Amino acid sequence: MKKVFVTGVAGQLGHDLIIELSQNNIASIGSDLPTEYTGLKDHEAILKMPYRSMDITDKAAVEKILLEETPDVVIHCAAWTAVDLAEEPEHQEKVHKINAEGTRNIAEACKKLNCKMIYISTDYVFNGQGETPWEPDCKDYAPLNVYGQSKLDGELAVSSLLEKFFIVRIAWVFGKNGKNFIKTMLQVAKKHDTVRVVNDQIGTPTYTSDLAKLLVEMANSEKYGYYHATNEGGYISWFDFTKEIYKQAGLSTTVLPVTTAEYGISKAARPFNSRLEKSKLSDAGFSRLPTWQDALSRYLKEIEI
């Protein structure tokens, strides 16, 4: 593997992938919609990164750029991720265009290049019910919301067009470059002595710095298929996660558990069961991610808390 093309490079995962690829002496091209890179410029790899502005919903542009760059692997991180906004009638067509049609455009270009594709997906493709962890090869899809359906449509496009693909489902993502739950909770703690957090949605966080290492490992392999990749350390609720965030950050903010129904607010239905079964990773010889507790500790240092 000599060259990797990363979409969504201005997001949390894309940013960390460029750094990880650089540390493995693998050439990379970063891509996103704006004419210039808009993410954190906090690392030499980011500053030196060749950047291509690309609208993934423009099929001709996607084909032109990827055929010019001729990557060995495309890691497709770009997506519409605003889950509640996706429910708004005026946004639904755009969400589908980005997450489903945009992904199809990438997959079709990868097919012409005969290169590998890694598609970043989500536990939201499942119905979020029960307590049994979702298996990577489970086809019992039943998305609860517009975002989940659009990501599933992206998965189906990739799997129907390509043989050399990885579909990697993640959940509860946090990284240095962008907004996430940890940053939000730290901000909330500055203004409130007490916070209410749901305790009936269960899953595991994913630290993009750790995930990037795994994706580079995958890109160097030919063990194609569906995988689940979150940090180890056990399944938790958002309430449990918040308590650990405040504990490690040395904050005395009181955290009160509430049900999703009591919390209210969100327009999109959220999965209660975001447990992802990850043993397929080790079965294939890939490294499992460190514990989320350890990841949180390293992350708080990274963002200088």
C-alpha atoms as a PDB file:
ATOM      1  CA  MET A   1       0.000   0.000   0.000  1.00  0.00           C
ATOM      2  CA  LYS A   2       1.588   3.243  -1.174  1.00  0.00           C
ATOM      3  CA  LYS A   3      -1.205   5.825  -1.204  1.00  0.00           C
ATOM      4  CA  VAL A   4      -4.458   6.333   0.721  1.00  0.00           C
ATOM      5  CA  PHE A   5      -7.241   8.783  -0.113  1.00  0.00           C
ATOM      6  CA  VAL A   6      -9.203   9.964   2.953  1.00  0.00           C
ATOM      7  CA  THR A   7     -12.614  11.621   2.603  1.00  0.00           C
ATOM      8  CA  GLY A   8     -14.045  13.766   5.396  1.00  0.00           C
ATOM      9  CA  VAL A   9     -10.566  14.824   6.422  1.00  0.00           C
ATOM     10  CA  ALA A  10     -11.855  17.874   8.325  1.00  0.00           C
ATOM     11  CA  GLY A  11     -13.690  15.587  10.761  1.00  0.00           C
ATOM     12  CA  GLN A  12     -12.543  13.795  13.900  1.00  0.00           C
ATOM     13  CA  LEU A  13     -11.497  10.514  12.278  1.00  0.00           C
ATOM     14  CA  GLY A  14     -10.156  11.907   9.003  1.00  0.00           C
ATOM     15  CA  HIS A  15      -7.763  14.205  10.861  1.00  0.00           C
ATOM     16  CA  ASP A  16      -6.347  11.339  12.950  1.00  0.00           C
ATOM     17  CA  LEU A  17      -6.039   9.069   9.925  1.00  0.00           C
ATOM     18  CA  ILE A  18      -3.759  11.526   8.126  1.00  0.00           C
ATOM     19  CA  ILE A  19      -1.500  11.630  11.182  1.00  0.00           C
ATOM     20  CA  GLU A  20      -1.474   7.837  11.573  1.00  0.00           C
ATOM     21  CA  LEU A  21      -0.742   7.270   7.865  1.00  0.00           C
ATOM     22  CA  SER A  22       2.150   9.738   8.059  1.00  0.00           C
ATOM     23  CA  GLN A  23       3.572   7.928  11.087  1.00  0.00           C
ATOM     24  CA  ASN A  24       3.510   4.719   9.026  1.00  0.00           C
ATOM     25  CA  ASN A  25       5.251   6.461   6.089  1.00  0.00           C
ATOM     26  CA  ILE A  26       2.203   5.988   3.861  1.00  0.00           C
ATOM     27  CA  ALA A  27       1.358   8.796   1.425  1.00  0.00           C
ATOM     28  CA  SER A  28      -2.105  10.269   1.851  1.00  0.00           C
ATOM     29  CA  ILE A  29      -4.453  12.728   0.194  1.00  0.00           C
ATOM     30  CA  GLY A  30      -7.104  14.431   2.301  1.00  0.00           C
ATOM     31  CA  SER A  31     -10.433  15.485   0.887  1.00  0.00           C
ATOM     32  CA  ASP A  32     -13.489  17.406   2.050  1.00  0.00           C
ATOM     33  CA  LEU A  33     -16.117  19.764   0.651  1.00  0.00           C
ATOM     34  CA  PRO A  34     -14.587  23.224   1.404  1.00  0.00           C
ATOM     35  CA  THR A  35     -12.074  24.653  -1.049  1.00  0.00           C
ATOM     36  CA  GLU A  36      -9.423  24.647   1.714  1.00  0.00           C
ATOM     37  CA  TYR A  37      -8.877  22.370   4.729  1.00  0.00           C
ATOM     38  CA  THR A  38     -10.940  23.673   7.665  1.00  0.00           C
ATOM     39  CA  GLY A  39      -9.890  21.337  10.495  1.00  0.00           C
ATOM     40  CA  LEU A  40      -7.200  21.611  13.162  1.00  0.00           C
ATOM     41  CA  LYS A  41      -3.743  22.403  11.800  1.00  0.00           C
ATOM     42  CA  ASP A  42      -1.956  20.967  14.796  1.00  0.00           C
ATOM     43  CA  HIS A  43       0.427  18.433  13.263  1.00  0.00           C
ATOM     44  CA  GLU A  44       3.141  18.426  10.620  1.00  0.00           C
ATOM     45  CA  ALA A  45       1.302  15.684   8.698  1.00  0.00           C
ATOM     46  CA  ILE A  46      -1.786  17.908   8.438  1.00  0.00           C
ATOM     47  CA  LEU A  47       0.240  20.931   7.371  1.00  0.00           C
ATOM     48  CA  LYS A  48       1.976  18.935   4.623  1.00  0.00           C
ATOM     49  CA  MET A  49      -1.127  17.001   3.501  1.00  0.00           C
ATOM     50  CA  PRO A  50      -2.092  17.234  -0.181  1.00  0.00           C
ATOM     51  CA  TYR A  51      -5.726  18.377  -0.131  1.00  0.00           C
ATOM     52  CA  ARG A  52      -8.478  17.983  -2.741  1.00  0.00           C
ATOM     53  CA  SER A  53     -11.815  19.749  -2.460  1.00  0.00           C
ATOM     54  CA  MET A  54     -14.449  17.196  -3.518  1.00  0.00           C
ATOM     55  CA  ASP A  55     -18.230  17.056  -3.397  1.00  0.00           C
ATOM     56  CA  ILE A  56     -18.958  13.352  -2.956  1.00  0.00           C
ATOM     57  CA  THR A  57     -22.491  13.846  -4.336  1.00  0.00           C
ATOM     58  CA  ASP A  58     -21.001  14.931  -7.688  1.00  0.00           C
ATOM     59  CA  LYS A  59     -20.366  11.611  -9.409  1.00  0.00           C
ATOM     60  CA  ALA A  60     -18.282  13.062 -12.237  1.00  0.00           C
ATOM     61  CA  ALA A  61     -16.061  15.015  -9.845  1.00  0.00           C
ATOM     62  CA  VAL A  62     -15.527  11.969  -7.617  1.00  0.00           C
ATOM     63  CA  GLU A  63     -14.531   9.819 -10.584  1.00  0.00           C
ATOM     64  CA  LYS A  64     -12.242  12.493 -12.032  1.00  0.00           C
ATOM     65  CA  ILE A  65     -10.385  13.177  -8.772  1.00  0.00           C
ATOM     66  CA  LEU A  66      -9.974   9.553  -7.701  1.00  0.00           C
ATOM     67  CA  LEU A  67      -8.808   8.454 -11.150  1.00  0.00           C
ATOM     68  CA  GLU A  68      -6.277  11.302 -11.117  1.00  0.00           C
ATOM     69  CA  GLU A  69      -4.973  10.362  -7.660  1.00  0.00           C
ATOM     70  CA  THR A  70      -5.025   6.555  -8.199  1.00  0.00           C
ATOM     71  CA  PRO A  71      -4.999   5.553  -4.506  1.00  0.00           C
ATOM     72  CA  ASP A  72      -4.504   1.973  -3.376  1.00  0.00           C
ATOM     73  CA  VAL A  73      -7.139   2.472  -0.680  1.00  0.00           C
ATOM     74  CA  VAL A  74      -9.973   4.941  -0.131  1.00  0.00           C
ATOM     75  CA  ILE A  75     -11.044   5.407   3.498  1.00  0.00           C
ATOM     76  CA  HIS A  76     -14.464   6.997   3.311  1.00  0.00           C
ATOM     77  CA  CYS A  77     -15.161   9.001   6.484  1.00  0.00           C
ATOM     78  CA  ALA A  78     -17.230  11.827   4.968  1.00  0.00           C
ATOM     79  CA  ALA A  79     -20.858  11.752   6.069  1.00  0.00           C
ATOM     80  CA  TRP A  80     -23.854  13.727   7.258  1.00  0.00           C
ATOM     81  CA  THR A  81     -23.758  12.992  11.001  1.00  0.00           C
ATOM     82  CA  ALA A  82     -26.278  15.483  12.475  1.00  0.00           C
ATOM     83  CA  VAL A  83     -28.783  12.811  13.519  1.00  0.00           C
ATOM     84  CA  ASP A  84     -31.613  15.077  14.703  1.00  0.00           C
ATOM     85  CA  LEU A  85     -31.276  17.548  11.822  1.00  0.00           C
ATOM     86  CA  ALA A  86     -31.547  14.611   9.421  1.00  0.00           C
ATOM     87  CA  GLU A  87     -35.170  14.158  10.545  1.00  0.00           C
ATOM     88  CA  GLU A  88     -36.152  17.604   9.247  1.00  0.00           C
ATOM     89  CA  PRO A  89     -38.128  17.168   5.980  1.00  0.00           C
ATOM     90  CA  GLU A  90     -36.031  19.830   4.223  1.00  0.00           C
ATOM     91  CA  HIS A  91     -32.804  17.919   4.981  1.00  0.00           C
ATOM     92  CA  GLN A  92     -33.793  14.331   4.283  1.00  0.00           C
ATOM     93  CA  GLU A  93     -33.007  14.362   0.569  1.00  0.00           C
ATOM     94  CA  LYS A  94     -29.588  15.916   1.221  1.00  0.00           C
ATOM     95  CA  VAL A  95     -28.801  13.330   3.911  1.00  0.00           C
ATOM     96  CA  HIS A  96     -29.577  10.524   1.449  1.00  0.00           C
ATOM     97  CA  LYS A  97     -27.523  12.233  -1.275  1.00  0.00           C
ATOM     98  CA  ILE A  98     -24.461  12.479   0.966  1.00  0.00           C
ATOM     99  CA  ASN A  99     -24.580   9.215   2.900  1.00  0.00           C
ATOM    100  CA  ALA A 100     -26.063   6.892   0.285  1.00  0.00           C
ATOM    101  CA  GLU A 101     -25.469   8.356  -3.180  1.00  0.00           C
ATOM    102  CA  GLY A 102     -22.129   9.921  -2.216  1.00  0.00           C
ATOM    103  CA  THR A 103     -20.924   6.584  -0.888  1.00  0.00           C
ATOM    104  CA  ARG A 104     -22.099   4.857  -4.083  1.00  0.00           C
ATOM    105  CA  ASN A 105     -20.104   7.389  -6.134  1.00  0.00           C
ATOM    106  CA  ILE A 106     -16.962   6.577  -4.125  1.00  0.00           C
ATOM    107  CA  ALA A 107     -17.571   2.825  -4.477  1.00  0.00           C
ATOM    108  CA  GLU A 108     -18.066   3.085  -8.244  1.00  0.00           C
ATOM    109  CA  ALA A 109     -14.777   4.973  -8.599  1.00  0.00           C
ATOM    110  CA  CYS A 110     -13.023   2.365  -6.432  1.00  0.00           C
ATOM    111  CA  LYS A 111     -14.389  -0.342  -8.710  1.00  0.00           C
ATOM    112  CA  LYS A 112     -12.895   1.391 -11.769  1.00  0.00           C
ATOM    113  CA  LEU A 113      -9.562   1.710  -9.959  1.00  0.00           C
ATOM    114  CA  ASN A 114      -9.759  -1.846  -8.561  1.00  0.00           C
ATOM    115  CA  CYS A 115      -8.677  -0.388  -5.217  1.00  0.00           C
ATOM    116  CA  LYS A 116      -9.742  -1.194  -1.666  1.00  0.00           C
ATOM    117  CA  MET A 117     -12.468   0.790   0.093  1.00  0.00           C
ATOM    118  CA  ILE A 118     -13.029   1.204   3.816  1.00  0.00           C
ATOM    119  CA  TYR A 119     -16.468   2.591   4.635  1.00  0.00           C
ATOM    120  CA  ILE A 120     -17.116   3.959   8.119  1.00  0.00           C
ATOM    121  CA  SER A 121     -20.621   3.047   9.251  1.00  0.00           C
ATOM    122  CA  THR A 122     -22.645   2.947  12.467  1.00  0.00           C
ATOM    123  CA  ASP A 123     -24.634   0.830  14.901  1.00  0.00           C
ATOM    124  CA  TYR A 124     -27.647   2.901  13.775  1.00  0.00           C
ATOM    125  CA  VAL A 125     -28.181   0.450  10.879  1.00  0.00           C
ATOM    126  CA  PHE A 126     -29.755  -1.902  13.468  1.00  0.00           C
ATOM    127  CA  ASN A 127     -32.999  -1.435  15.412  1.00  0.00           C
ATOM    128  CA  GLY A 128     -31.279  -0.749  18.745  1.00  0.00           C
ATOM    129  CA  GLN A 129     -33.495  -3.105  20.730  1.00  0.00           C
ATOM    130  CA  GLY A 130     -32.676  -5.933  23.165  1.00  0.00           C
ATOM    131  CA  GLU A 131     -29.437  -6.476  25.064  1.00  0.00           C
ATOM    132  CA  THR A 132     -27.524  -8.880  22.797  1.00  0.00           C
ATOM    133  CA  PRO A 133     -24.469  -7.324  21.118  1.00  0.00           C
ATOM    134  CA  TRP A 134     -24.872  -6.890  17.359  1.00  0.00           C
ATOM    135  CA  GLU A 135     -22.703  -9.213  15.262  1.00  0.00           C
ATOM    136  CA  PRO A 136     -20.785  -7.661  12.322  1.00  0.00           C
ATOM    137  CA  ASP A 137     -22.339 -10.053   9.807  1.00  0.00           C
ATOM    138  CA  CYS A 138     -25.906  -9.667  11.134  1.00  0.00           C
ATOM    139  CA  LYS A 139     -28.235  -8.644   8.304  1.00  0.00           C
ATOM    140  CA  ASP A 140     -31.193  -7.944  10.583  1.00  0.00           C
ATOM    141  CA  TYR A 141     -31.264  -4.273   9.598  1.00  0.00           C
ATOM    142  CA  ALA A 142     -34.029  -1.973  10.804  1.00  0.00           C
ATOM    143  CA  PRO A 143     -32.775   1.608  11.193  1.00  0.00           C
ATOM    144  CA  LEU A 144     -34.735   3.779  13.623  1.00  0.00           C
ATOM    145  CA  ASN A 145     -34.142   7.077  11.872  1.00  0.00           C
ATOM    146  CA  VAL A 146     -33.250   8.860   8.622  1.00  0.00           C
ATOM    147  CA  TYR A 147     -29.529   8.954   9.409  1.00  0.00           C
ATOM    148  CA  GLY A 148     -29.418   5.198  10.118  1.00  0.00           C
ATOM    149  CA  GLN A 149     -31.266   4.393   6.898  1.00  0.00           C
ATOM    150  CA  SER A 150     -28.928   6.589   4.850  1.00  0.00           C
ATOM    151  CA  LYS A 151     -25.855   4.881   6.321  1.00  0.00           C
ATOM    152  CA  LEU A 152     -27.374   1.458   5.650  1.00  0.00           C
ATOM    153  CA  ASP A 153     -28.037   2.467   2.038  1.00  0.00           C
ATOM    154  CA  GLY A 154     -24.350   3.422   1.844  1.00  0.00           C
ATOM    155  CA  GLU A 155     -23.356  -0.001   3.195  1.00  0.00           C
ATOM    156  CA  LEU A 156     -25.535  -1.763   0.642  1.00  0.00           C
ATOM    157  CA  ALA A 157     -24.011   0.265  -2.197  1.00  0.00           C
ATOM    158  CA  VAL A 158     -20.477  -0.688  -1.122  1.00  0.00           C
ATOM    159  CA  SER A 159     -21.217  -4.390  -0.603  1.00  0.00           C
ATOM    160  CA  SER A 160     -23.135  -4.706  -3.889  1.00  0.00           C
ATOM    161  CA  LEU A 161     -20.454  -3.017  -6.018  1.00  0.00           C
ATOM    162  CA  LEU A 162     -17.169  -4.173  -4.517  1.00  0.00           C
ATOM    163  CA  GLU A 163     -15.347  -7.277  -3.405  1.00  0.00           C
ATOM    164  CA  LYS A 164     -12.361  -5.500  -1.823  1.00  0.00           C
ATOM    165  CA  PHE A 165     -14.228  -3.650   0.904  1.00  0.00           C
ATOM    166  CA  PHE A 166     -14.264  -3.192   4.668  1.00  0.00           C
ATOM    167  CA  ILE A 167     -17.435  -1.909   6.323  1.00  0.00           C
ATOM    168  CA  VAL A 168     -16.461  -0.786   9.822  1.00  0.00           C
ATOM    169  CA  ARG A 169     -19.239   0.138  12.241  1.00  0.00           C
ATOM    170  CA  ILE A 170     -18.368   2.424  15.123  1.00  0.00           C
ATOM    171  CA  ALA A 171     -20.291   4.245  17.877  1.00  0.00           C
ATOM    172  CA  TRP A 172     -20.025   7.150  20.330  1.00  0.00           C
ATOM    173  CA  VAL A 173     -17.080   8.737  18.527  1.00  0.00           C
ATOM    174  CA  PHE A 174     -14.660  11.232  20.077  1.00  0.00           C
ATOM    175  CA  GLY A 175     -11.513  12.854  18.716  1.00  0.00           C
ATOM    176  CA  LYS A 176      -9.503  16.044  18.984  1.00  0.00           C
ATOM    177  CA  ASN A 177     -10.710  17.662  15.761  1.00  0.00           C
ATOM    178  CA  GLY A 178     -14.379  18.541  16.136  1.00  0.00           C
ATOM    179  CA  LYS A 179     -17.390  18.402  18.446  1.00  0.00           C
ATOM    180  CA  ASN A 180     -18.252  15.369  20.542  1.00  0.00           C
ATOM    181  CA  PHE A 181     -19.979  14.231  23.734  1.00  0.00           C
ATOM    182  CA  ILE A 182     -16.916  14.639  25.966  1.00  0.00           C
ATOM    183  CA  LYS A 183     -16.323  18.242  24.909  1.00  0.00           C
ATOM    184  CA  THR A 184     -20.026  19.006  25.372  1.00  0.00           C
ATOM    185  CA  MET A 185     -20.095  17.523  28.882  1.00  0.00           C
ATOM    186  CA  LEU A 186     -16.976  19.444  29.893  1.00  0.00           C
ATOM    187  CA  GLN A 187     -18.603  22.675  28.682  1.00  0.00           C
ATOM    188  CA  VAL A 188     -21.847  21.869  30.513  1.00  0.00           C
ATOM    189  CA  ALA A 189     -19.897  21.326  33.750  1.00  0.00           C
ATOM    190  CA  LYS A 190     -18.594  24.900  33.556  1.00  0.00           C
ATOM    191  CA  LYS A 191     -22.136  26.273  33.740  1.00  0.00           C
ATOM    192  CA  HIS A 192     -24.037  23.743  35.851  1.00  0.00           C
ATOM    193  CA  ASP A 193     -23.457  21.984  39.180  1.00  0.00           C
ATOM    194  CA  THR A 194     -25.781  19.133  38.190  1.00  0.00           C
ATOM    195  CA  VAL A 195     -26.403  17.429  34.829  1.00  0.00           C
ATOM    196  CA  ARG A 196     -29.008  14.880  33.749  1.00  0.00           C
ATOM    197  CA  VAL A 197     -27.763  12.107  31.451  1.00  0.00           C
ATOM    198  CA  VAL A 198     -29.586   9.101  29.989  1.00  0.00           C
ATOM    199  CA  ASN A 199     -28.797   5.724  31.514  1.00  0.00           C
ATOM    200  CA  ASP A 200     -30.847   3.408  29.272  1.00  0.00           C
ATOM    201  CA  GLN A 201     -28.812   3.719  26.064  1.00  0.00           C
ATOM    202  CA  ILE A 202     -25.934   1.229  26.244  1.00  0.00           C
ATOM    203  CA  GLY A 203     -22.795   1.034  24.102  1.00  0.00           C
ATOM    204  CA  THR A 204     -19.057   1.746  24.040  1.00  0.00           C
ATOM    205  CA  PRO A 205     -17.123   4.869  22.998  1.00  0.00           C
ATOM    206  CA  THR A 206     -14.676   4.982  20.064  1.00  0.00           C
ATOM    207  CA  TYR A 207     -11.526   7.126  20.222  1.00  0.00           C
ATOM    208  CA  THR A 208     -10.568   8.171  16.704  1.00  0.00           C
ATOM    209  CA  SER A 209      -6.826   8.058  17.437  1.00  0.00           C
ATOM    210  CA  ASP A 210      -7.134   4.361  18.366  1.00  0.00           C
ATOM    211  CA  LEU A 211      -9.507   3.619  15.487  1.00  0.00           C
ATOM    212  CA  ALA A 212      -7.114   5.202  12.969  1.00  0.00           C
ATOM    213  CA  LYS A 213      -4.401   2.682  13.934  1.00  0.00           C
ATOM    214  CA  LEU A 214      -6.796  -0.211  13.302  1.00  0.00           C
ATOM    215  CA  LEU A 215      -7.952   1.182   9.947  1.00  0.00           C
ATOM    216  CA  VAL A 216      -4.362   1.494   8.721  1.00  0.00           C
ATOM    217  CA  GLU A 217      -3.811  -2.110   9.819  1.00  0.00           C
ATOM    218  CA  MET A 218      -6.924  -3.133   7.845  1.00  0.00           C
ATOM    219  CA  ALA A 219      -5.878  -1.129   4.792  1.00  0.00           C
ATOM    220  CA  ASN A 220      -2.645  -3.127   4.716  1.00  0.00           C
ATOM    221  CA  SER A 221      -4.582  -6.413   4.719  1.00  0.00           C
ATOM    222  CA  GLU A 222      -6.951  -8.323   2.464  1.00  0.00           C
ATOM    223  CA  LYS A 223      -9.244  -9.605   5.227  1.00  0.00           C
ATOM    224  CA  TYR A 224     -12.305  -7.938   3.747  1.00  0.00           C
ATOM    225  CA  GLY A 225     -15.795  -7.826   5.190  1.00  0.00           C
ATOM    226  CA  TYR A 226     -17.877  -6.325   7.981  1.00  0.00           C
ATOM    227  CA  TYR A 227     -16.288  -5.390  11.309  1.00  0.00           C
ATOM    228  CA  HIS A 228     -17.248  -3.643  14.524  1.00  0.00           C
ATOM    229  CA  ALA A 229     -14.639  -1.413  16.133  1.00  0.00           C
ATOM    230  CA  THR A 230     -15.134   0.448  19.399  1.00  0.00           C
ATOM    231  CA  ASN A 231     -12.850   0.654  22.394  1.00  0.00           C
ATOM    232  CA  GLU A 232     -12.740  -2.242  24.850  1.00  0.00           C
ATOM    233  CA  GLY A 233     -13.566  -1.844  28.553  1.00  0.00           C
ATOM    234  CA  GLY A 234     -17.151  -3.045  28.728  1.00  0.00           C
ATOM    235  CA  TYR A 235     -20.571  -1.751  27.742  1.00  0.00           C
ATOM    236  CA  ILE A 236     -21.761   1.403  29.514  1.00  0.00           C
ATOM    237  CA  SER A 237     -24.502   4.020  29.460  1.00  0.00           C
ATOM    238  CA  TRP A 238     -24.022   7.703  28.618  1.00  0.00           C
ATOM    239  CA  PHE A 239     -24.570   8.275  32.366  1.00  0.00           C
ATOM    240  CA  ASP A 240     -21.659   5.941  33.230  1.00  0.00           C
ATOM    241  CA  PHE A 241     -19.501   7.627  30.605  1.00  0.00           C
ATOM    242  CA  THR A 242     -20.246  11.104  31.973  1.00  0.00           C
ATOM    243  CA  LYS A 243     -19.386  10.072  35.534  1.00  0.00           C
ATOM    244  CA  GLU A 244     -16.001   8.763  34.352  1.00  0.00           C
ATOM    245  CA  ILE A 245     -15.361  11.899  32.275  1.00  0.00           C
ATOM    246  CA  TYR A 246     -15.898  14.118  35.318  1.00  0.00           C
ATOM    247  CA  LYS A 247     -13.920  11.813  37.590  1.00  0.00           C
ATOM    248  CA  GLN A 248     -10.888  11.794  35.298  1.00  0.00           C
ATOM    249  CA  ALA A 249     -11.183  15.543  34.651  1.00  0.00           C
ATOM    250  CA  GLY A 250     -11.272  16.197  38.407  1.00  0.00           C
ATOM    251  CA  LEU A 251     -14.724  17.815  38.309  1.00  0.00           C
ATOM    252  CA  SER A 252     -17.255  17.610  41.148  1.00  0.00           C
ATOM    253  CA  THR A 253     -20.354  18.054  38.944  1.00  0.00           C
ATOM    254  CA  THR A 254     -23.258  15.854  40.073  1.00  0.00           C
ATOM    255  CA  VAL A 255     -24.580  13.467  37.401  1.00  0.00           C
ATOM    256  CA  LEU A 256     -28.199  12.321  37.662  1.00  0.00           C
ATOM    257  CA  PRO A 257     -29.476   9.292  35.692  1.00  0.00           C
ATOM    258  CA  VAL A 258     -32.656   9.709  33.620  1.00  0.00           C
ATOM    259  CA  THR A 259     -34.424   7.564  31.040  1.00  0.00           C
ATOM    260  CA  THR A 260     -34.513   8.541  27.375  1.00  0.00           C
ATOM    261  CA  ALA A 261     -38.247   9.218  27.768  1.00  0.00           C
ATOM    262  CA  GLU A 262     -37.642  11.489  30.764  1.00  0.00           C
ATOM    263  CA  TYR A 263     -34.858  13.346  28.964  1.00  0.00           C
ATOM    264  CA  GLY A 264     -36.972  14.035  25.879  1.00  0.00           C
ATOM    265  CA  ILE A 265     -35.706  16.646  23.368  1.00  0.00           C
ATOM    266  CA  SER A 266     -34.243  14.593  20.458  1.00  0.00           C
ATOM    267  CA  LYS A 267     -36.185  14.404  17.190  1.00  0.00           C
ATOM    268  CA  ALA A 268     -34.525  11.202  16.002  1.00  0.00           C
ATOM    269  CA  ALA A 269     -35.194   7.905  17.763  1.00  0.00           C
ATOM    270  CA  ARG A 270     -32.032   6.685  19.482  1.00  0.00           C
ATOM    271  CA  PRO A 271     -30.967   3.032  19.868  1.00  0.00           C
ATOM    272  CA  PHE A 272     -31.131   1.636  23.399  1.00  0.00           C
ATOM    273  CA  ASN A 273     -28.781  -1.188  22.401  1.00  0.00           C
ATOM    274  CA  SER A 274     -25.574   0.030  20.761  1.00  0.00           C
ATOM    275  CA  ARG A 275     -23.556  -2.963  21.953  1.00  0.00           C
ATOM    276  CA  LEU A 276     -21.254  -4.049  19.124  1.00  0.00           C
ATOM    277  CA  GLU A 277     -19.656  -7.513  19.132  1.00  0.00           C
ATOM    278  CA  LYS A 278     -15.962  -7.138  18.233  1.00  0.00           C
ATOM    279  CA  SER A 279     -14.474 -10.623  18.466  1.00  0.00           C
ATOM    280  CA  LYS A 280     -14.298 -10.845  14.654  1.00  0.00           C
ATOM    281  CA  LEU A 281     -11.435  -8.335  14.823  1.00  0.00           C
ATOM    282  CA  SER A 282      -9.188 -10.646  16.819  1.00  0.00           C
ATOM    283  CA  ASP A 283     -10.415 -13.685  14.844  1.00  0.00           C
ATOM    284  CA  ALA A 284      -9.055 -11.949  11.726  1.00  0.00           C
ATOM    285  CA  GLY A 285      -5.768 -11.121  13.453  1.00  0.00           C
ATOM    286  CA  PHE A 286      -6.461  -7.410  13.922  1.00  0.00           C
ATOM    287  CA  SER A 287      -5.589  -5.521  17.096  1.00  0.00           C
ATOM    288  CA  ARG A 288      -8.466  -4.732  19.439  1.00  0.00           C
ATOM    289  CA  LEU A 289      -8.680  -1.135  20.629  1.00  0.00           C
ATOM    290  CA  PRO A 290      -7.536  -0.229  24.177  1.00  0.00           C
ATOM    291  CA  THR A 291     -10.137   0.245  26.921  1.00  0.00           C
ATOM    292  CA  TRP A 292     -12.351   3.313  26.716  1.00  0.00           C
ATOM    293  CA  GLN A 293     -11.192   4.311  30.208  1.00  0.00           C
ATOM    294  CA  ASP A 294      -7.587   4.397  29.008  1.00  0.00           C
ATOM    295  CA  ALA A 295      -8.642   6.148  25.793  1.00  0.00           C
ATOM    296  CA  LEU A 296     -10.480   8.809  27.790  1.00  0.00           C
ATOM    297  CA  SER A 297      -7.396   9.423  29.942  1.00  0.00           C
ATOM    298  CA  ARG A 298      -5.199   9.908  26.867  1.00  0.00           C
ATOM    299  CA  TYR A 299      -7.820  12.068  25.179  1.00  0.00           C
ATOM    300  CA  LEU A 300      -8.185  14.440  28.138  1.00  0.00           C
ATOM    301  CA  LYS A 301      -4.405  14.930  28.025  1.00  0.00           C
ATOM    302  CA  GLU A 302      -4.588  15.466  24.256  1.00  0.00           C
ATOM    303  CA  ILE A 303      -7.155  18.245  24.614  1.00  0.00           C
ATOM    304  CA  GLU A 304      -5.228  19.558  27.657  1.00  0.00           C
ATOM    305  CA  ILE A 305      -7.861  19.199  30.357  1.00  0.00           C
END
